[in-house]
C-alpha atoms as a PDB file:
ATOM      1  CA  UNK A   1    -112.951 -44.231  -7.159  1.00  0.00           C
ATOM      2  CA  UNK A   2    -109.157 -44.713  -7.124  1.00  0.00           C
ATOM      3  CA  UNK A   3    -109.113 -45.152 -10.918  1.00  0.00           C
ATOM      4  CA  UNK A   4    -111.081 -41.908 -11.447  1.00  0.00           C
ATOM      5  CA  UNK A   5    -108.587 -39.918  -9.353  1.00  0.00           C
ATOM      6  CA  UNK A   6    -105.691 -41.420 -11.348  1.00  0.00           C
ATOM      7  CA  UNK A   7    -107.411 -40.577 -14.648  1.00  0.00           C
ATOM      8  CA  UNK A   8    -108.124 -37.037 -13.437  1.00  0.00           C
ATOM      9  CA  UNK A   9    -104.463 -36.402 -12.464  1.00  0.00           C
ATOM     10  CA  UNK A  10    -103.153 -37.942 -15.691  1.00  0.00           C
ATOM     11  CA  UNK A  11    -105.485 -35.797 -17.802  1.00  0.00           C
ATOM     12  CA  UNK A  12    -104.592 -32.685 -15.808  1.00  0.00           C
ATOM     13  CA  UNK A  13    -100.867 -33.301 -16.464  1.00  0.00           C
ATOM     14  CA  UNK A  14    -101.526 -33.809 -20.166  1.00  0.00           C
ATOM     15  CA  UNK A  15    -103.465 -30.547 -20.327  1.00  0.00           C
ATOM     16  CA  UNK A  16    -100.682 -28.661 -18.527  1.00  0.00           C
ATOM     17  CA  UNK A  17     -98.017 -30.184 -20.802  1.00  0.00           C
ATOM     18  CA  UNK A  18    -100.047 -29.296 -23.899  1.00  0.00           C
ATOM     19  CA  UNK A  19    -100.449 -25.730 -22.685  1.00  0.00           C
ATOM     20  CA  UNK A  20     -96.686 -25.442 -22.064  1.00  0.00           C
ATOM     21  CA  UNK A  21     -95.865 -26.708 -25.570  1.00  0.00           C
ATOM     22  CA  UNK A  22     -98.349 -24.351 -27.225  1.00  0.00           C
ATOM     23  CA  UNK A  23     -97.056 -21.415 -25.129  1.00  0.00           C
ATOM     24  CA  UNK A  24     -93.457 -22.206 -26.087  1.00  0.00           C
ATOM     25  CA  UNK A  25     -94.422 -22.292 -29.760  1.00  0.00           C
ATOM     26  CA  UNK A  26     -96.147 -18.902 -29.634  1.00  0.00           C
ATOM     27  CA  UNK A  27     -93.336 -17.248 -27.665  1.00  0.00           C
ATOM     28  CA  UNK A  28     -90.816 -18.506 -30.254  1.00  0.00           C
ATOM     29  CA  UNK A  29     -93.061 -17.405 -33.111  1.00  0.00           C
ATOM     30  CA  UNK A  30     -93.283 -13.879 -31.698  1.00  0.00           C
ATOM     31  CA  UNK A  31     -89.523 -13.383 -32.137  1.00  0.00           C
ATOM     32  CA  UNK A  32     -88.384 -13.553 -28.535  1.00  0.00           C
ATOM     33  CA  UNK A  33     -84.614 -13.927 -28.178  1.00  0.00           C
ATOM     34  CA  UNK A  34     -83.444 -17.496 -27.812  1.00  0.00           C
ATOM     35  CA  UNK A  35     -79.927 -17.676 -26.450  1.00  0.00           C
ATOM     36  CA  UNK A  36     -77.935 -20.443 -28.071  1.00  0.00           C
ATOM     37  CA  UNK A  37     -79.693 -20.488 -31.435  1.00  0.00           C
ATOM     38  CA  UNK A  38     -76.585 -19.262 -33.309  1.00  0.00           C
ATOM     39  CA  UNK A  39     -78.112 -15.887 -34.206  1.00  0.00           C
ATOM     40  CA  UNK A  40     -77.124 -12.638 -32.464  1.00  0.00           C
ATOM     41  CA  UNK A  41     -80.483 -11.071 -31.554  1.00  0.00           C
ATOM     42  CA  UNK A  42     -81.628  -7.901 -29.771  1.00  0.00           C
ATOM     43  CA  UNK A  43     -80.945  -8.144 -26.050  1.00  0.00           C
ATOM     44  CA  UNK A  44     -77.957 -10.500 -26.469  1.00  0.00           C
ATOM     45  CA  UNK A  45     -74.386  -9.326 -25.881  1.00  0.00           C
ATOM     46  CA  UNK A  46     -72.891 -12.418 -27.522  1.00  0.00           C
ATOM     47  CA  UNK A  47     -74.078 -15.669 -29.065  1.00  0.00           C
ATOM     48  CA  UNK A  48     -72.480 -19.101 -29.012  1.00  0.00           C
ATOM     49  CA  UNK A  49     -68.803 -19.892 -28.618  1.00  0.00           C
ATOM     50  CA  UNK A  50     -66.963 -20.890 -25.460  1.00  0.00           C
ATOM     51  CA  UNK A  51     -69.177 -20.675 -22.333  1.00  0.00           C
ATOM     52  CA  UNK A  52     -66.194 -19.305 -20.388  1.00  0.00           C
ATOM     53  CA  UNK A  53     -66.372 -16.258 -22.690  1.00  0.00           C
ATOM     54  CA  UNK A  54     -70.099 -16.097 -23.537  1.00  0.00           C
ATOM     55  CA  UNK A  55     -72.478 -17.612 -20.988  1.00  0.00           C
ATOM     56  CA  UNK A  56     -76.246 -17.158 -21.276  1.00  0.00           C
ATOM     57  CA  UNK A  57     -75.540 -14.671 -24.115  1.00  0.00           C
ATOM     58  CA  UNK A  58     -73.657 -12.385 -21.701  1.00  0.00           C
ATOM     59  CA  UNK A  59     -69.992 -11.498 -22.271  1.00  0.00           C
ATOM     60  CA  UNK A  60     -68.036 -12.786 -19.296  1.00  0.00           C
ATOM     61  CA  UNK A  61     -65.543 -10.676 -17.307  1.00  0.00           C
ATOM     62  CA  UNK A  62     -62.142 -10.294 -18.952  1.00  0.00           C
ATOM     63  CA  UNK A  63     -63.456 -10.746 -22.506  1.00  0.00           C
ATOM     64  CA  UNK A  64     -64.739  -8.345 -25.135  1.00  0.00           C
ATOM     65  CA  UNK A  65     -65.666  -8.061 -28.805  1.00  0.00           C
ATOM     66  CA  UNK A  66     -62.870  -7.222 -31.245  1.00  0.00           C
ATOM     67  CA  UNK A  67     -64.850  -4.352 -32.770  1.00  0.00           C
ATOM     68  CA  UNK A  68     -65.324  -2.465 -29.485  1.00  0.00           C
ATOM     69  CA  UNK A  69     -63.592  -0.110 -27.082  1.00  0.00           C
ATOM     70  CA  UNK A  70     -64.218   0.093 -23.333  1.00  0.00           C
ATOM     71  CA  UNK A  71     -63.575   2.858 -20.827  1.00  0.00           C
ATOM     72  CA  UNK A  72     -60.183   2.753 -19.069  1.00  0.00           C
ATOM     73  CA  UNK A  73     -61.868   2.612 -15.648  1.00  0.00           C
ATOM     74  CA  UNK A  74     -64.421  -0.074 -16.492  1.00  0.00           C
ATOM     75  CA  UNK A  75     -62.824  -3.180 -18.011  1.00  0.00           C
ATOM     76  CA  UNK A  76     -65.911  -5.368 -17.535  1.00  0.00           C
ATOM     77  CA  UNK A  77     -68.589  -2.866 -18.571  1.00  0.00           C
ATOM     78  CA  UNK A  78     -69.845  -3.167 -22.141  1.00  0.00           C
ATOM     79  CA  UNK A  79     -68.244  -0.723 -24.523  1.00  0.00           C
ATOM     80  CA  UNK A  80     -69.171   0.802 -27.851  1.00  0.00           C
ATOM     81  CA  UNK A  81     -68.775  -0.628 -31.343  1.00  0.00           C
ATOM     82  CA  UNK A  82     -65.918   0.854 -33.352  1.00  0.00           C
ATOM     83  CA  UNK A  83     -64.744   0.393 -36.912  1.00  0.00           C
ATOM     84  CA  UNK A  84     -61.592   1.174 -38.829  1.00  0.00           C
ATOM     85  CA  UNK A  85     -62.220   3.789 -41.510  1.00  0.00           C
ATOM     86  CA  UNK A  86     -59.852   4.815 -44.267  1.00  0.00           C
ATOM     87  CA  UNK A  87     -59.131   8.523 -43.837  1.00  0.00           C
ATOM     88  CA  UNK A  88     -56.949   9.533 -46.832  1.00  0.00           C
ATOM     89  CA  UNK A  89     -54.876   6.374 -46.590  1.00  0.00           C
ATOM     90  CA  UNK A  90     -54.656   6.391 -42.786  1.00  0.00           C
ATOM     91  CA  UNK A  91     -56.812   3.919 -40.861  1.00  0.00           C
ATOM     92  CA  UNK A  92     -58.733   5.720 -38.153  1.00  0.00           C
ATOM     93  CA  UNK A  93     -60.833   4.173 -35.415  1.00  0.00           C
ATOM     94  CA  UNK A  94     -64.349   5.624 -35.226  1.00  0.00           C
ATOM     95  CA  UNK A  95     -67.497   4.873 -33.240  1.00  0.00           C
ATOM     96  CA  UNK A  96     -70.221   3.052 -35.189  1.00  0.00           C
ATOM     97  CA  UNK A  97     -73.342   5.189 -35.113  1.00  0.00           C
ATOM     98  CA  UNK A  98     -76.858   3.746 -35.210  1.00  0.00           C
ATOM     99  CA  UNK A  99     -78.632   5.788 -37.911  1.00  0.00           C
ATOM    100  CA  UNK A 100     -82.024   5.320 -36.220  1.00  0.00           C
ATOM    101  CA  UNK A 101     -80.946   6.858 -32.905  1.00  0.00           C
ATOM    102  CA  UNK A 102     -77.772   8.764 -33.894  1.00  0.00           C
ATOM    103  CA  UNK A 103     -76.077   7.156 -30.845  1.00  0.00           C
ATOM    104  CA  UNK A 104     -73.051   4.895 -30.633  1.00  0.00           C
ATOM    105  CA  UNK A 105     -73.957   1.229 -31.012  1.00  0.00           C
ATOM    106  CA  UNK A 106     -73.351  -1.041 -27.997  1.00  0.00           C
ATOM    107  CA  UNK A 107     -70.784  -3.827 -28.068  1.00  0.00           C
ATOM    108  CA  UNK A 108     -72.141  -7.162 -29.382  1.00  0.00           C
ATOM    109  CA  UNK A 109     -70.583 -10.046 -31.320  1.00  0.00           C
ATOM    110  CA  UNK A 110     -70.592 -13.785 -31.890  1.00  0.00           C
ATOM    111  CA  UNK A 111     -69.060 -15.685 -28.983  1.00  0.00           C
ATOM    112  CA  UNK A 112     -66.248 -17.255 -30.994  1.00  0.00           C
ATOM    113  CA  UNK A 113     -64.915 -13.760 -31.798  1.00  0.00           C
ATOM    114  CA  UNK A 114     -64.484 -12.721 -28.152  1.00  0.00           C
ATOM    115  CA  UNK A 115     -60.919 -11.936 -27.088  1.00  0.00           C
ATOM    116  CA  UNK A 116     -59.132 -11.124 -23.854  1.00  0.00           C
ATOM    117  CA  UNK A 117     -59.473  -7.401 -23.146  1.00  0.00           C
ATOM    118  CA  UNK A 118     -56.282  -5.415 -22.782  1.00  0.00           C
ATOM    119  CA  UNK A 119     -55.711  -1.808 -21.682  1.00  0.00           C
ATOM    120  CA  UNK A 120     -54.175   0.570 -24.209  1.00  0.00           C
ATOM    121  CA  UNK A 121     -52.680   3.895 -23.105  1.00  0.00           C
ATOM    122  CA  UNK A 122     -50.827   6.137 -25.539  1.00  0.00           C
ATOM    123  CA  UNK A 123     -47.162   6.776 -24.790  1.00  0.00           C
ATOM    124  CA  UNK A 124     -47.600  10.496 -25.422  1.00  0.00           C
ATOM    125  CA  UNK A 125     -50.221  13.054 -26.466  1.00  0.00           C
ATOM    126  CA  UNK A 126     -49.279  12.753 -30.142  1.00  0.00           C
ATOM    127  CA  UNK A 127     -50.592   9.189 -30.333  1.00  0.00           C
ATOM    128  CA  UNK A 128     -54.378   9.481 -30.652  1.00  0.00           C
ATOM    129  CA  UNK A 129     -55.401   6.143 -32.175  1.00  0.00           C
ATOM    130  CA  UNK A 130     -56.595   3.718 -31.103  1.00  0.00           C
ATOM    131  CA  UNK A 131     -58.723   5.342 -28.435  1.00  0.00           C
ATOM    132  CA  UNK A 132     -57.355   5.088 -24.910  1.00  0.00           C
ATOM    133  CA  UNK A 133     -59.179   2.214 -23.217  1.00  0.00           C
ATOM    134  CA  UNK A 134     -59.656  -1.543 -23.400  1.00  0.00           C
ATOM    135  CA  UNK A 135     -59.297  -3.225 -26.792  1.00  0.00           C
ATOM    136  CA  UNK A 136     -58.529  -6.609 -28.286  1.00  0.00           C
ATOM    137  CA  UNK A 137     -54.759  -6.713 -28.950  1.00  0.00           C
ATOM    138  CA  UNK A 138     -55.401  -7.513 -32.629  1.00  0.00           C
ATOM    139  CA  UNK A 139     -57.097  -4.107 -33.008  1.00  0.00           C
ATOM    140  CA  UNK A 140     -54.178  -2.199 -31.499  1.00  0.00           C
ATOM    141  CA  UNK A 141     -51.756  -3.854 -33.914  1.00  0.00           C
ATOM    142  CA  UNK A 142     -53.636  -2.360 -36.888  1.00  0.00           C
ATOM    143  CA  UNK A 143     -52.505   1.183 -36.069  1.00  0.00           C
ATOM    144  CA  UNK A 144     -49.245   2.990 -36.774  1.00  0.00           C
ATOM    145  CA  UNK A 145     -46.712   2.388 -34.028  1.00  0.00           C
ATOM    146  CA  UNK A 146     -44.767   5.393 -32.688  1.00  0.00           C
ATOM    147  CA  UNK A 147     -41.062   5.392 -33.473  1.00  0.00           C
ATOM    148  CA  UNK A 148     -39.009   3.154 -31.168  1.00  0.00           C
ATOM    149  CA  UNK A 149     -42.044   1.251 -29.950  1.00  0.00           C
ATOM    150  CA  UNK A 150     -43.789  -2.007 -30.836  1.00  0.00           C
ATOM    151  CA  UNK A 151     -46.789  -4.074 -29.794  1.00  0.00           C
ATOM    152  CA  UNK A 152     -45.943  -7.427 -28.281  1.00  0.00           C
ATOM    153  CA  UNK A 153     -48.806  -9.854 -27.476  1.00  0.00           C
ATOM    154  CA  UNK A 154     -50.896  -7.082 -25.946  1.00  0.00           C
ATOM    155  CA  UNK A 155     -52.159  -3.570 -26.610  1.00  0.00           C
ATOM    156  CA  UNK A 156     -49.287  -2.122 -24.573  1.00  0.00           C
ATOM    157  CA  UNK A 157     -46.526  -0.314 -26.421  1.00  0.00           C
ATOM    158  CA  UNK A 158     -43.074  -1.578 -25.531  1.00  0.00           C
ATOM    159  CA  UNK A 159     -39.826   0.175 -26.341  1.00  0.00           C
ATOM    160  CA  UNK A 160     -37.800  -1.726 -28.930  1.00  0.00           C
ATOM    161  CA  UNK A 161     -34.581   0.183 -28.303  1.00  0.00           C
END
């Protein structure tokens, strides 16, 4: 009797394990997102890289994608994708539009590209690019700098007089 109970429990565990393996295979085959597979998929904000910046495929507070801009009041809320476009020899920052929905595309990137977000505010109304908001400092440095100002190691303009 004892042996039959042991055999029953062992077989039950094998059946459950087999079911779990088959279920995992079919879920993967159906294209569900798999965080950590090195591919940025729908539903993921980021993929791979440093877990302090990208954990469980979610961009961590204080970091952002280099091709994005975030609202000035919401540093840790996902922003919109932006791209530099040549406008008659002048690089202009523009929102990336999803042709299927005609809406701005949300911020996503590979984890190793994430940077520390930094607030940019123009020094006057004549400075219109980049957009006012949070950027990666490397993006800010791509734009013309107003006379008597410079970018240091941030997106903040500093007087060089």
